[in-house]
C-alpha atoms as a PDB file:
ATOM      1  CA  MET A   1       0.000   0.000   0.000  1.00  0.00           C
ATOM      2  CA  SER A   2       1.414   3.404  -0.950  1.00  0.00           C
ATOM      3  CA  ALA A   3       1.504   6.511   1.193  1.00  0.00           C
ATOM      4  CA  ALA A   4      -1.245   9.080   0.798  1.00  0.00           C
ATOM      5  CA  LEU A   5      -0.429  12.256  -1.085  1.00  0.00           C
ATOM      6  CA  VAL A   6      -0.354  14.889   1.673  1.00  0.00           C
ATOM      7  CA  ARG A   7       1.960  17.722   2.650  1.00  0.00           C
ATOM      8  CA  PRO A   8       3.883  16.439   5.708  1.00  0.00           C
ATOM      9  CA  ARG A   9       4.310  18.641   8.760  1.00  0.00           C
ATOM     10  CA  ASP A  10       7.993  17.740   9.112  1.00  0.00           C
ATOM     11  CA  HIS A  11      10.846  18.342   6.642  1.00  0.00           C
ATOM     12  CA  ARG A  12       9.111  21.248   4.885  1.00  0.00           C
ATOM     13  CA  MET A  13      11.151  23.920   3.166  1.00  0.00           C
ATOM     14  CA  ILE A  14       8.342  26.103   1.824  1.00  0.00           C
ATOM     15  CA  ALA A  15       4.995  24.339   1.757  1.00  0.00           C
ATOM     16  CA  GLY A  16       5.876  20.644   1.901  1.00  0.00           C
ATOM     17  CA  VAL A  17       4.816  19.870  -1.667  1.00  0.00           C
ATOM     18  CA  CYS A  18       8.143  18.331  -2.716  1.00  0.00           C
ATOM     19  CA  ALA A  19       8.414  16.432   0.581  1.00  0.00           C
ATOM     20  CA  GLY A  20       4.920  15.023   0.080  1.00  0.00           C
ATOM     21  CA  LEU A  21       5.629  14.007  -3.508  1.00  0.00           C
ATOM     22  CA  ALA A  22       8.912  12.399  -2.458  1.00  0.00           C
ATOM     23  CA  ARG A  23       7.194  10.397   0.274  1.00  0.00           C
ATOM     24  CA  ARG A  24       4.416   9.313  -2.109  1.00  0.00           C
ATOM     25  CA  PHE A  25       6.767   8.172  -4.878  1.00  0.00           C
ATOM     26  CA  GLY A  26       9.449   6.680  -2.611  1.00  0.00           C
ATOM     27  CA  THR A  27      12.321   9.025  -3.416  1.00  0.00           C
ATOM     28  CA  SER A  28      14.356  11.386  -1.252  1.00  0.00           C
ATOM     29  CA  ARG A  29      13.174  14.916  -0.518  1.00  0.00           C
ATOM     30  CA  THR A  30      16.408  16.348  -1.885  1.00  0.00           C
ATOM     31  CA  THR A  31      16.011  14.479  -5.175  1.00  0.00           C
ATOM     32  CA  MET A  32      12.452  15.749  -5.585  1.00  0.00           C
ATOM     33  CA  ARG A  33      13.522  19.329  -4.835  1.00  0.00           C
ATOM     34  CA  VAL A  34      16.366  19.145  -7.370  1.00  0.00           C
ATOM     35  CA  ILE A  35      13.979  17.732  -9.994  1.00  0.00           C
ATOM     36  CA  PHE A  36      11.592  20.620  -9.355  1.00  0.00           C
ATOM     37  CA  LEU A  37      14.335  23.261  -9.545  1.00  0.00           C
ATOM     38  CA  VAL A  38      15.754  21.813 -12.768  1.00  0.00           C
ATOM     39  CA  SER A  39      12.250  21.592 -14.262  1.00  0.00           C
ATOM     40  CA  CYS A  40      11.816  25.328 -13.606  1.00  0.00           C
ATOM     41  CA  LEU A  41      14.557  25.951 -16.177  1.00  0.00           C
ATOM     42  CA  LEU A  42      12.314  24.401 -18.842  1.00  0.00           C
ATOM     43  CA  PRO A  43       9.362  26.255 -20.335  1.00  0.00           C
ATOM     44  CA  GLY A  44       6.059  25.386 -18.745  1.00  0.00           C
ATOM     45  CA  PRO A  45       3.754  26.014 -15.793  1.00  0.00           C
ATOM     46  CA  GLN A  46       5.836  24.281 -13.096  1.00  0.00           C
ATOM     47  CA  PHE A  47       5.553  27.150 -10.621  1.00  0.00           C
ATOM     48  CA  LEU A  48       1.788  27.364 -11.111  1.00  0.00           C
ATOM     49  CA  LEU A  49       1.526  23.601 -10.594  1.00  0.00           C
ATOM     50  CA  TYR A  50       3.466  23.954  -7.323  1.00  0.00           C
ATOM     51  CA  LEU A  51       1.081  26.687  -6.151  1.00  0.00           C
ATOM     52  CA  ALA A  52      -1.943  24.577  -7.108  1.00  0.00           C
ATOM     53  CA  LEU A  53      -0.599  21.568  -5.200  1.00  0.00           C
ATOM     54  CA  TRP A  54       0.102  23.806  -2.195  1.00  0.00           C
ATOM     55  CA  LEU A  55      -3.546  24.851  -2.157  1.00  0.00           C
ATOM     56  CA  LEU A  56      -5.123  21.509  -3.060  1.00  0.00           C
ATOM     57  CA  LEU A  57      -3.069  18.958  -1.112  1.00  0.00           C
ATOM     58  CA  PRO A  58      -4.205  18.544   2.466  1.00  0.00           C
ATOM     59  CA  SER A  59      -1.694  19.082   5.229  1.00  0.00           C
ATOM     60  CA  GLU A  60      -0.821  15.941   7.145  1.00  0.00           C
ATOM     61  CA  GLY A  61      -2.994  15.597  10.219  1.00  0.00           C
ATOM     62  CA  GLY A  62      -4.742  18.881   9.644  1.00  0.00           C
ATOM     63  CA  ARG A  63      -7.076  20.878   7.500  1.00  0.00           C
ATOM     64  CA  ARG A  64      -6.256  22.518   4.182  1.00  0.00           C
ATOM     65  CA  PRO A  65      -5.090  26.161   4.440  1.00  0.00           C
ATOM     66  CA  ALA A  66      -8.233  27.471   2.694  1.00  0.00           C
ATOM     67  CA  GLU A  67     -10.433  25.834   5.352  1.00  0.00           C
ATOM     68  CA  SER A  68      -8.623  27.455   8.275  1.00  0.00           C
ATOM     69  CA  TRP A  69      -9.993  30.959   7.587  1.00  0.00           C
END
């Protein structure tokens, strides 16, 4: 059984998106962060995708940021 796709509370640098993706796909957090940074050099909506995941992925053990208002 694979891990759920959530933003973990520990090991966050900004929002925990890369840490959550790394946990879900079984890779290291550093590898996922490097992949994201390198992908930002390519044309495309990578930054917008990161922002969307930040808003849409639930935080581990808590509510989503939009629900806390």
